[in-house]
């Protein structure tokens, strides 16, 4: 099994209508650790993990789910201090 060394938070903007379908599509992806609809500047947030930056690029650039978004902001997580309620 590959190590998942690259983690990113995706802040996804979309029209109101496709939020539920887009969230469901993201939740089905094995790379997505967490996906939620949120209020504010974006409509969805997702936490993803992949093996390396190249796989992150592929996930963002070549995914069917991305066709219904209008804007994406990506934040790469450099180091986690706590995961699943446990200090690392």
PDB file of N, CA and C in Angstrom:
ATOM      1  N   UNK A   1       0.840  -1.184   0.000  1.00  0.00           N
ATOM      2  CA  UNK A   1       0.000   0.000   0.000  1.00  0.00           C
ATOM      3  C   UNK A   1       0.882   1.244   0.000  1.00  0.00           C
ATOM      4  N   UNK A   2       0.548   2.208  -0.827  1.00  0.00           N
ATOM      5  CA  UNK A   2       1.295   3.458  -0.880  1.00  0.00           C
ATOM      6  C   UNK A   2       1.058   4.268   0.380  1.00  0.00           C
ATOM      7  N   UNK A   3       2.110   4.969   0.798  1.00  0.00           N
ATOM      8  CA  UNK A   3       1.943   5.914   1.897  1.00  0.00           C
ATOM      9  C   UNK A   3       1.262   7.159   1.370  1.00  0.00           C
ATOM     10  N   UNK A   4       0.415   7.726   2.187  1.00  0.00           N
ATOM     11  CA  UNK A   4      -0.299   8.934   1.804  1.00  0.00           C
ATOM     12  C   UNK A   4       0.419  10.125   2.429  1.00  0.00           C
ATOM     13  N   UNK A   5       1.416  10.633   1.719  1.00  0.00           N
ATOM     14  CA  UNK A   5       2.289  11.674   2.249  1.00  0.00           C
ATOM     15  C   UNK A   5       1.845  13.088   1.921  1.00  0.00           C
ATOM     16  N   UNK A   6       0.890  13.254   1.033  1.00  0.00           N
ATOM     17  CA  UNK A   6       0.448  14.582   0.628  1.00  0.00           C
ATOM     18  C   UNK A   6      -1.004  14.760   1.037  1.00  0.00           C
ATOM     19  N   UNK A   7      -1.239  15.773   1.858  1.00  0.00           N
ATOM     20  CA  UNK A   7      -2.597  16.075   2.325  1.00  0.00           C
ATOM     21  C   UNK A   7      -2.941  17.494   1.912  1.00  0.00           C
ATOM     22  N   UNK A   8      -4.182  17.705   1.523  1.00  0.00           N
ATOM     23  CA  UNK A   8      -4.623  19.042   1.118  1.00  0.00           C
ATOM     24  C   UNK A   8      -6.071  19.265   1.520  1.00  0.00           C
ATOM     25  N   UNK A   9      -6.373  20.516   1.817  1.00  0.00           N
ATOM     26  CA  UNK A   9      -7.752  20.936   2.041  1.00  0.00           C
ATOM     27  C   UNK A   9      -8.227  21.625   0.777  1.00  0.00           C
ATOM     28  N   UNK A  10      -9.384  21.241   0.302  1.00  0.00           N
ATOM     29  CA  UNK A  10      -9.966  21.837  -0.893  1.00  0.00           C
ATOM     30  C   UNK A  10     -11.153  22.690  -0.483  1.00  0.00           C
ATOM     31  N   UNK A  11     -11.141  23.938  -0.883  1.00  0.00           N
ATOM     32  CA  UNK A  11     -12.230  24.871  -0.635  1.00  0.00           C
ATOM     33  C   UNK A  11     -12.924  25.047  -1.972  1.00  0.00           C
ATOM     34  N   UNK A  12     -14.130  24.500  -2.105  1.00  0.00           N
ATOM     35  CA  UNK A  12     -14.786  24.357  -3.396  1.00  0.00           C
ATOM     36  C   UNK A  12     -15.982  25.303  -3.506  1.00  0.00           C
ATOM     37  N   UNK A  13     -15.989  26.079  -4.573  1.00  0.00           N
ATOM     38  CA  UNK A  13     -17.091  26.990  -4.872  1.00  0.00           C
ATOM     39  C   UNK A  13     -17.921  26.382  -5.996  1.00  0.00           C
ATOM     40  N   UNK A  14     -19.231  26.459  -5.838  1.00  0.00           N
ATOM     41  CA  UNK A  14     -20.147  25.959  -6.858  1.00  0.00           C
ATOM     42  C   UNK A  14     -21.474  26.693  -6.726  1.00  0.00           C
ATOM     43  N   UNK A  15     -22.301  26.582  -7.718  1.00  0.00           N
ATOM     44  CA  UNK A  15     -23.652  27.118  -7.615  1.00  0.00           C
ATOM     45  C   UNK A  15     -24.404  26.302  -6.556  1.00  0.00           C
ATOM     46  N   UNK A  16     -25.460  26.860  -5.963  1.00  0.00           N
ATOM     47  CA  UNK A  16     -26.178  26.134  -4.906  1.00  0.00           C
ATOM     48  C   UNK A  16     -26.772  24.795  -5.345  1.00  0.00           C
ATOM     49  N   UNK A  17     -27.255  24.700  -6.552  1.00  0.00           N
ATOM     50  CA  UNK A  17     -27.951  23.492  -6.995  1.00  0.00           C
ATOM     51  C   UNK A  17     -27.097  22.221  -6.953  1.00  0.00           C
ATOM     52  N   UNK A  18     -25.853  22.215  -7.424  1.00  0.00           N
ATOM     53  CA  UNK A  18     -25.092  20.954  -7.449  1.00  0.00           C
ATOM     54  C   UNK A  18     -24.327  20.620  -6.162  1.00  0.00           C
ATOM     55  N   UNK A  19     -24.526  21.371  -5.083  1.00  0.00           N
ATOM     56  CA  UNK A  19     -23.746  21.137  -3.862  1.00  0.00           C
ATOM     57  C   UNK A  19     -23.896  19.707  -3.363  1.00  0.00           C
ATOM     58  N   UNK A  20     -25.114  19.217  -3.247  1.00  0.00           N
ATOM     59  CA  UNK A  20     -25.327  17.879  -2.703  1.00  0.00           C
ATOM     60  C   UNK A  20     -24.715  16.798  -3.591  1.00  0.00           C
ATOM     61  N   UNK A  21     -24.919  16.893  -4.892  1.00  0.00           N
ATOM     62  CA  UNK A  21     -24.371  15.888  -5.817  1.00  0.00           C
ATOM     63  C   UNK A  21     -22.842  15.944  -5.832  1.00  0.00           C
ATOM     64  N   UNK A  22     -22.289  17.135  -5.810  1.00  0.00           N
ATOM     65  CA  UNK A  22     -20.830  17.281  -5.808  1.00  0.00           C
ATOM     66  C   UNK A  22     -20.240  16.721  -4.515  1.00  0.00           C
ATOM     67  N   UNK A  23     -20.872  17.015  -3.387  1.00  0.00           N
ATOM     68  CA  UNK A  23     -20.413  16.468  -2.110  1.00  0.00           C
ATOM     69  C   UNK A  23     -20.483  14.948  -2.085  1.00  0.00           C
ATOM     70  N   UNK A  24     -21.556  14.389  -2.621  1.00  0.00           N
ATOM     71  CA  UNK A  24     -21.694  12.925  -2.670  1.00  0.00           C
ATOM     72  C   UNK A  24     -20.635  12.302  -3.570  1.00  0.00           C
ATOM     73  N   UNK A  25     -20.344  12.939  -4.704  1.00  0.00           N
ATOM     74  CA  UNK A  25     -19.312  12.428  -5.617  1.00  0.00           C
ATOM     75  C   UNK A  25     -17.942  12.454  -4.949  1.00  0.00           C
ATOM     76  N   UNK A  26     -17.651  13.525  -4.235  1.00  0.00           N
ATOM     77  CA  UNK A  26     -16.372  13.606  -3.519  1.00  0.00           C
ATOM     78  C   UNK A  26     -16.285  12.545  -2.429  1.00  0.00           C
ATOM     79  N   UNK A  27     -17.362  12.361  -1.681  1.00  0.00           N
ATOM     80  CA  UNK A  27     -17.353  11.412  -0.570  1.00  0.00           C
ATOM     81  C   UNK A  27     -17.089   9.987  -1.023  1.00  0.00           C
ATOM     82  N   UNK A  28     -17.399   9.665  -2.263  1.00  0.00           N
ATOM     83  CA  UNK A  28     -17.168   8.308  -2.788  1.00  0.00           C
ATOM     84  C   UNK A  28     -15.714   8.058  -3.164  1.00  0.00           C
ATOM     85  N   UNK A  29     -14.938   9.118  -3.302  1.00  0.00           N
ATOM     86  CA  UNK A  29     -13.539   8.957  -3.722  1.00  0.00           C
ATOM     87  C   UNK A  29     -12.678   8.455  -2.565  1.00  0.00           C
ATOM     88  N   UNK A  30     -11.807   7.477  -2.790  1.00  0.00           N
ATOM     89  CA  UNK A  30     -10.975   6.949  -1.704  1.00  0.00           C
ATOM     90  C   UNK A  30      -9.952   7.969  -1.178  1.00  0.00           C
ATOM     91  N   UNK A  31      -9.622   8.970  -1.970  1.00  0.00           N
ATOM     92  CA  UNK A  31      -8.661   9.983  -1.534  1.00  0.00           C
ATOM     93  C   UNK A  31      -9.249  10.955  -0.515  1.00  0.00           C
ATOM     94  N   UNK A  32     -10.567  11.020  -0.448  1.00  0.00           N
ATOM     95  CA  UNK A  32     -11.237  12.003   0.409  1.00  0.00           C
ATOM     96  C   UNK A  32     -11.409  11.433   1.812  1.00  0.00           C
ATOM     97  N   UNK A  33     -10.766  12.099   2.776  1.00  0.00           N
ATOM     98  CA  UNK A  33     -10.883  11.695   4.176  1.00  0.00           C
ATOM     99  C   UNK A  33     -12.125  12.289   4.815  1.00  0.00           C
ATOM    100  N   UNK A  34     -12.502  13.479   4.344  1.00  0.00           N
ATOM    101  CA  UNK A  34     -13.607  14.219   4.954  1.00  0.00           C
ATOM    102  C   UNK A  34     -14.157  15.178   3.919  1.00  0.00           C
ATOM    103  N   UNK A  35     -15.473  15.268   3.828  1.00  0.00           N
ATOM    104  CA  UNK A  35     -16.113  16.236   2.935  1.00  0.00           C
ATOM    105  C   UNK A  35     -17.348  16.771   3.638  1.00  0.00           C
ATOM    106  N   UNK A  36     -17.556  18.090   3.537  1.00  0.00           N
ATOM    107  CA  UNK A  36     -18.703  18.698   4.207  1.00  0.00           C
ATOM    108  C   UNK A  36     -19.183  19.920   3.447  1.00  0.00           C
ATOM    109  N   UNK A  37     -20.500  20.133   3.490  1.00  0.00           N
ATOM    110  CA  UNK A  37     -21.074  21.385   2.996  1.00  0.00           C
ATOM    111  C   UNK A  37     -20.882  22.413   4.111  1.00  0.00           C
ATOM    112  N   UNK A  38     -20.505  23.623   3.734  1.00  0.00           N
ATOM    113  CA  UNK A  38     -20.243  24.673   4.719  1.00  0.00           C
ATOM    114  C   UNK A  38     -20.888  25.980   4.280  1.00  0.00           C
ATOM    115  N   UNK A  39     -21.069  26.870   5.228  1.00  0.00           N
ATOM    116  CA  UNK A  39     -21.580  28.202   4.926  1.00  0.00           C
ATOM    117  C   UNK A  39     -20.394  29.158   4.868  1.00  0.00           C
ATOM    118  N   UNK A  40     -20.478  30.132   3.999  1.00  0.00           N
ATOM    119  CA  UNK A  40     -19.404  31.111   3.887  1.00  0.00           C
ATOM    120  C   UNK A  40     -19.013  31.340   2.452  1.00  0.00           C
ATOM    121  N   UNK A  41     -17.737  31.644   2.237  1.00  0.00           N
ATOM    122  CA  UNK A  41     -17.251  31.958   0.899  1.00  0.00           C
ATOM    123  C   UNK A  41     -17.278  30.770  -0.054  1.00  0.00           C
ATOM    124  N   UNK A  42     -17.182  29.560   0.466  1.00  0.00           N
ATOM    125  CA  UNK A  42     -17.245  28.368  -0.379  1.00  0.00           C
ATOM    126  C   UNK A  42     -18.406  27.500   0.083  1.00  0.00           C
ATOM    127  N   UNK A  43     -18.795  26.551  -0.749  1.00  0.00           N
ATOM    128  CA  UNK A  43     -19.941  25.701  -0.425  1.00  0.00           C
ATOM    129  C   UNK A  43     -19.546  24.326   0.112  1.00  0.00           C
ATOM    130  N   UNK A  44     -18.333  23.873  -0.229  1.00  0.00           N
ATOM    131  CA  UNK A  44     -17.857  22.565   0.220  1.00  0.00           C
ATOM    132  C   UNK A  44     -16.406  22.671   0.662  1.00  0.00           C
ATOM    133  N   UNK A  45     -16.047  21.835   1.620  1.00  0.00           N
ATOM    134  CA  UNK A  45     -14.645  21.678   1.996  1.00  0.00           C
ATOM    135  C   UNK A  45     -14.361  20.182   2.034  1.00  0.00           C
ATOM    136  N   UNK A  46     -13.180  19.803   1.545  1.00  0.00           N
ATOM    137  CA  UNK A  46     -12.790  18.391   1.547  1.00  0.00           C
ATOM    138  C   UNK A  46     -11.332  18.276   1.964  1.00  0.00           C
ATOM    139  N   UNK A  47     -11.048  17.260   2.747  1.00  0.00           N
ATOM    140  CA  UNK A  47      -9.686  16.947   3.166  1.00  0.00           C
ATOM    141  C   UNK A  47      -9.289  15.696   2.393  1.00  0.00           C
ATOM    142  N   UNK A  48      -8.232  15.786   1.603  1.00  0.00           N
ATOM    143  CA  UNK A  48      -7.810  14.640   0.799  1.00  0.00           C
ATOM    144  C   UNK A  48      -6.371  14.258   1.120  1.00  0.00           C
ATOM    145  N   UNK A  49      -6.055  12.996   0.905  1.00  0.00           N
ATOM    146  CA  UNK A  49      -4.688  12.515   1.038  1.00  0.00           C
ATOM    147  C   UNK A  49      -4.351  11.664  -0.182  1.00  0.00           C
ATOM    148  N   UNK A  50      -3.165  11.887  -0.700  1.00  0.00           N
ATOM    149  CA  UNK A  50      -2.647  11.143  -1.847  1.00  0.00           C
ATOM    150  C   UNK A  50      -1.172  10.846  -1.587  1.00  0.00           C
ATOM    151  N   UNK A  51      -0.579  10.043  -2.437  1.00  0.00           N
ATOM    152  CA  UNK A  51       0.804   9.612  -2.213  1.00  0.00           C
ATOM    153  C   UNK A  51       1.831  10.725  -2.435  1.00  0.00           C
ATOM    154  N   UNK A  52       1.576  11.617  -3.411  1.00  0.00           N
ATOM    155  CA  UNK A  52       2.600  12.604  -3.757  1.00  0.00           C
ATOM    156  C   UNK A  52       1.952  13.796  -4.478  1.00  0.00           C
ATOM    157  N   UNK A  53       2.701  14.865  -4.677  1.00  0.00           N
ATOM    158  CA  UNK A  53       2.143  16.036  -5.365  1.00  0.00           C
ATOM    159  C   UNK A  53       1.627  15.751  -6.777  1.00  0.00           C
ATOM    160  N   UNK A  54       2.235  14.839  -7.490  1.00  0.00           N
ATOM    161  CA  UNK A  54       1.758  14.508  -8.836  1.00  0.00           C
ATOM    162  C   UNK A  54       0.351  13.915  -8.772  1.00  0.00           C
ATOM    163  N   UNK A  55       0.090  13.074  -7.788  1.00  0.00           N
ATOM    164  CA  UNK A  55      -1.252  12.514  -7.632  1.00  0.00           C
ATOM    165  C   UNK A  55      -2.248  13.587  -7.194  1.00  0.00           C
ATOM    166  N   UNK A  56      -1.797  14.560  -6.415  1.00  0.00           N
ATOM    167  CA  UNK A  56      -2.662  15.683  -6.054  1.00  0.00           C
ATOM    168  C   UNK A  56      -3.064  16.446  -7.311  1.00  0.00           C
ATOM    169  N   UNK A  57      -2.100  16.716  -8.174  1.00  0.00           N
ATOM    170  CA  UNK A  57      -2.400  17.399  -9.434  1.00  0.00           C
ATOM    171  C   UNK A  57      -3.409  16.606 -10.260  1.00  0.00           C
ATOM    172  N   UNK A  58      -3.202  15.305 -10.383  1.00  0.00           N
ATOM    173  CA  UNK A  58      -4.128  14.463 -11.145  1.00  0.00           C
ATOM    174  C   UNK A  58      -5.532  14.492 -10.540  1.00  0.00           C
ATOM    175  N   UNK A  59      -5.613  14.438  -9.211  1.00  0.00           N
ATOM    176  CA  UNK A  59      -6.906  14.463  -8.540  1.00  0.00           C
ATOM    177  C   UNK A  59      -7.644  15.774  -8.831  1.00  0.00           C
ATOM    178  N   UNK A  60      -6.915  16.869  -8.855  1.00  0.00           N
ATOM    179  CA  UNK A  60      -7.533  18.180  -9.071  1.00  0.00           C
ATOM    180  C   UNK A  60      -7.839  18.456 -10.543  1.00  0.00           C
ATOM    181  N   UNK A  61      -6.965  18.029 -11.418  1.00  0.00           N
ATOM    182  CA  UNK A  61      -7.077  18.405 -12.831  1.00  0.00           C
ATOM    183  C   UNK A  61      -7.881  17.432 -13.677  1.00  0.00           C
ATOM    184  N   UNK A  62      -7.959  16.196 -13.253  1.00  0.00           N
ATOM    185  CA  UNK A  62      -8.554  15.179 -14.131  1.00  0.00           C
ATOM    186  C   UNK A  62      -9.601  14.343 -13.399  1.00  0.00           C
ATOM    187  N   UNK A  63     -10.498  15.013 -12.675  1.00  0.00           N
ATOM    188  CA  UNK A  63     -11.532  14.299 -11.931  1.00  0.00           C
ATOM    189  C   UNK A  63     -12.911  14.694 -12.434  1.00  0.00           C
ATOM    190  N   UNK A  64     -13.788  13.721 -12.645  1.00  0.00           N
ATOM    191  CA  UNK A  64     -15.141  14.041 -13.101  1.00  0.00           C
ATOM    192  C   UNK A  64     -15.890  14.974 -12.147  1.00  0.00           C
ATOM    193  N   UNK A  65     -15.621  14.850 -10.837  1.00  0.00           N
ATOM    194  CA  UNK A  65     -16.322  15.690  -9.867  1.00  0.00           C
ATOM    195  C   UNK A  65     -16.043  17.176 -10.088  1.00  0.00           C
ATOM    196  N   UNK A  66     -14.875  17.509 -10.649  1.00  0.00           N
ATOM    197  CA  UNK A  66     -14.469  18.913 -10.762  1.00  0.00           C
ATOM    198  C   UNK A  66     -15.239  19.694 -11.827  1.00  0.00           C
ATOM    199  N   UNK A  67     -15.966  19.016 -12.679  1.00  0.00           N
ATOM    200  CA  UNK A  67     -16.685  19.706 -13.759  1.00  0.00           C
ATOM    201  C   UNK A  67     -17.833  20.583 -13.257  1.00  0.00           C
ATOM    202  N   UNK A  68     -18.357  20.313 -12.059  1.00  0.00           N
ATOM    203  CA  UNK A  68     -19.472  21.111 -11.549  1.00  0.00           C
ATOM    204  C   UNK A  68     -19.038  22.198 -10.562  1.00  0.00           C
ATOM    205  N   UNK A  69     -17.756  22.367 -10.358  1.00  0.00           N
ATOM    206  CA  UNK A  69     -17.306  23.453  -9.483  1.00  0.00           C
ATOM    207  C   UNK A  69     -17.024  24.702 -10.321  1.00  0.00           C
ATOM    208  N   UNK A  70     -17.084  25.856  -9.685  1.00  0.00           N
ATOM    209  CA  UNK A  70     -16.799  27.105 -10.384  1.00  0.00           C
ATOM    210  C   UNK A  70     -15.438  27.676 -10.007  1.00  0.00           C
ATOM    211  N   UNK A  71     -14.961  27.331  -8.816  1.00  0.00           N
ATOM    212  CA  UNK A  71     -13.668  27.835  -8.345  1.00  0.00           C
ATOM    213  C   UNK A  71     -13.152  26.879  -7.280  1.00  0.00           C
ATOM    214  N   UNK A  72     -11.844  26.708  -7.228  1.00  0.00           N
ATOM    215  CA  UNK A  72     -11.223  25.815  -6.257  1.00  0.00           C
ATOM    216  C   UNK A  72     -10.027  26.500  -5.640  1.00  0.00           C
ATOM    217  N   UNK A  73      -9.947  26.453  -4.334  1.00  0.00           N
ATOM    218  CA  UNK A  73      -8.761  26.931  -3.634  1.00  0.00           C
ATOM    219  C   UNK A  73      -8.184  25.731  -2.883  1.00  0.00           C
ATOM    220  N   UNK A  74      -6.906  25.500  -3.051  1.00  0.00           N
ATOM    221  CA  UNK A  74      -6.254  24.346  -2.443  1.00  0.00           C
ATOM    222  C   UNK A  74      -5.237  24.808  -1.413  1.00  0.00           C
ATOM    223  N   UNK A  75      -5.287  24.200  -0.231  1.00  0.00           N
ATOM    224  CA  UNK A  75      -4.317  24.471   0.824  1.00  0.00           C
ATOM    225  C   UNK A  75      -3.607  23.158   1.131  1.00  0.00           C
ATOM    226  N   UNK A  76      -2.305  23.093   0.881  1.00  0.00           N
ATOM    227  CA  UNK A  76      -1.539  21.884   1.182  1.00  0.00           C
ATOM    228  C   UNK A  76      -1.182  21.907   2.671  1.00  0.00           C
ATOM    229  N   UNK A  77      -1.447  20.793   3.344  1.00  0.00           N
ATOM    230  CA  UNK A  77      -1.133  20.658   4.765  1.00  0.00           C
ATOM    231  C   UNK A  77       0.336  20.254   4.873  1.00  0.00           C
ATOM    232  N   UNK A  78       1.129  21.100   5.518  1.00  0.00           N
ATOM    233  CA  UNK A  78       2.559  20.821   5.626  1.00  0.00           C
ATOM    234  C   UNK A  78       2.874  19.860   6.761  1.00  0.00           C
ATOM    235  N   UNK A  79       2.154  20.003   7.879  1.00  0.00           N
ATOM    236  CA  UNK A  79       2.382  19.096   9.004  1.00  0.00           C
ATOM    237  C   UNK A  79       1.141  19.086   9.887  1.00  0.00           C
ATOM    238  N   UNK A  80       0.680  17.910  10.251  1.00  0.00           N
ATOM    239  CA  UNK A  80      -0.469  17.777  11.148  1.00  0.00           C
ATOM    240  C   UNK A  80       0.030  17.566  12.569  1.00  0.00           C
ATOM    241  N   UNK A  81      -0.648  18.150  13.514  1.00  0.00           N
ATOM    242  CA  UNK A  81      -0.311  17.991  14.937  1.00  0.00           C
ATOM    243  C   UNK A  81      -1.280  17.054  15.644  1.00  0.00           C
ATOM    244  N   UNK A  82      -2.487  16.903  15.072  1.00  0.00           N
ATOM    245  CA  UNK A  82      -3.506  16.070  15.688  1.00  0.00           C
ATOM    246  C   UNK A  82      -4.353  15.462  14.574  1.00  0.00           C
ATOM    247  N   UNK A  83      -4.676  14.185  14.704  1.00  0.00           N
ATOM    248  CA  UNK A  83      -5.485  13.517  13.700  1.00  0.00           C
ATOM    249  C   UNK A  83      -6.395  12.512  14.403  1.00  0.00           C
ATOM    250  N   UNK A  84      -7.678  12.568  14.091  1.00  0.00           N
ATOM    251  CA  UNK A  84      -8.622  11.635  14.703  1.00  0.00           C
ATOM    252  C   UNK A  84      -8.663  11.756  16.214  1.00  0.00           C
ATOM    253  N   UNK A  85      -8.468  12.951  16.723  1.00  0.00           N
ATOM    254  CA  UNK A  85      -8.503  13.173  18.162  1.00  0.00           C
ATOM    255  C   UNK A  85      -7.226  12.775  18.886  1.00  0.00           C
ATOM    256  N   UNK A  86      -6.230  12.295  18.155  1.00  0.00           N
ATOM    257  CA  UNK A  86      -4.977  11.848  18.764  1.00  0.00           C
ATOM    258  C   UNK A  86      -3.826  12.775  18.373  1.00  0.00           C
ATOM    259  N   UNK A  87      -3.048  13.192  19.336  1.00  0.00           N
ATOM    260  CA  UNK A  87      -1.847  13.972  19.031  1.00  0.00           C
ATOM    261  C   UNK A  87      -0.859  13.112  18.276  1.00  0.00           C
ATOM    262  N   UNK A  88      -0.207  13.717  17.288  1.00  0.00           N
ATOM    263  CA  UNK A  88       0.778  12.969  16.496  1.00  0.00           C
ATOM    264  C   UNK A  88       2.161  13.141  17.065  1.00  0.00           C
TER     265      UNK A  88
END
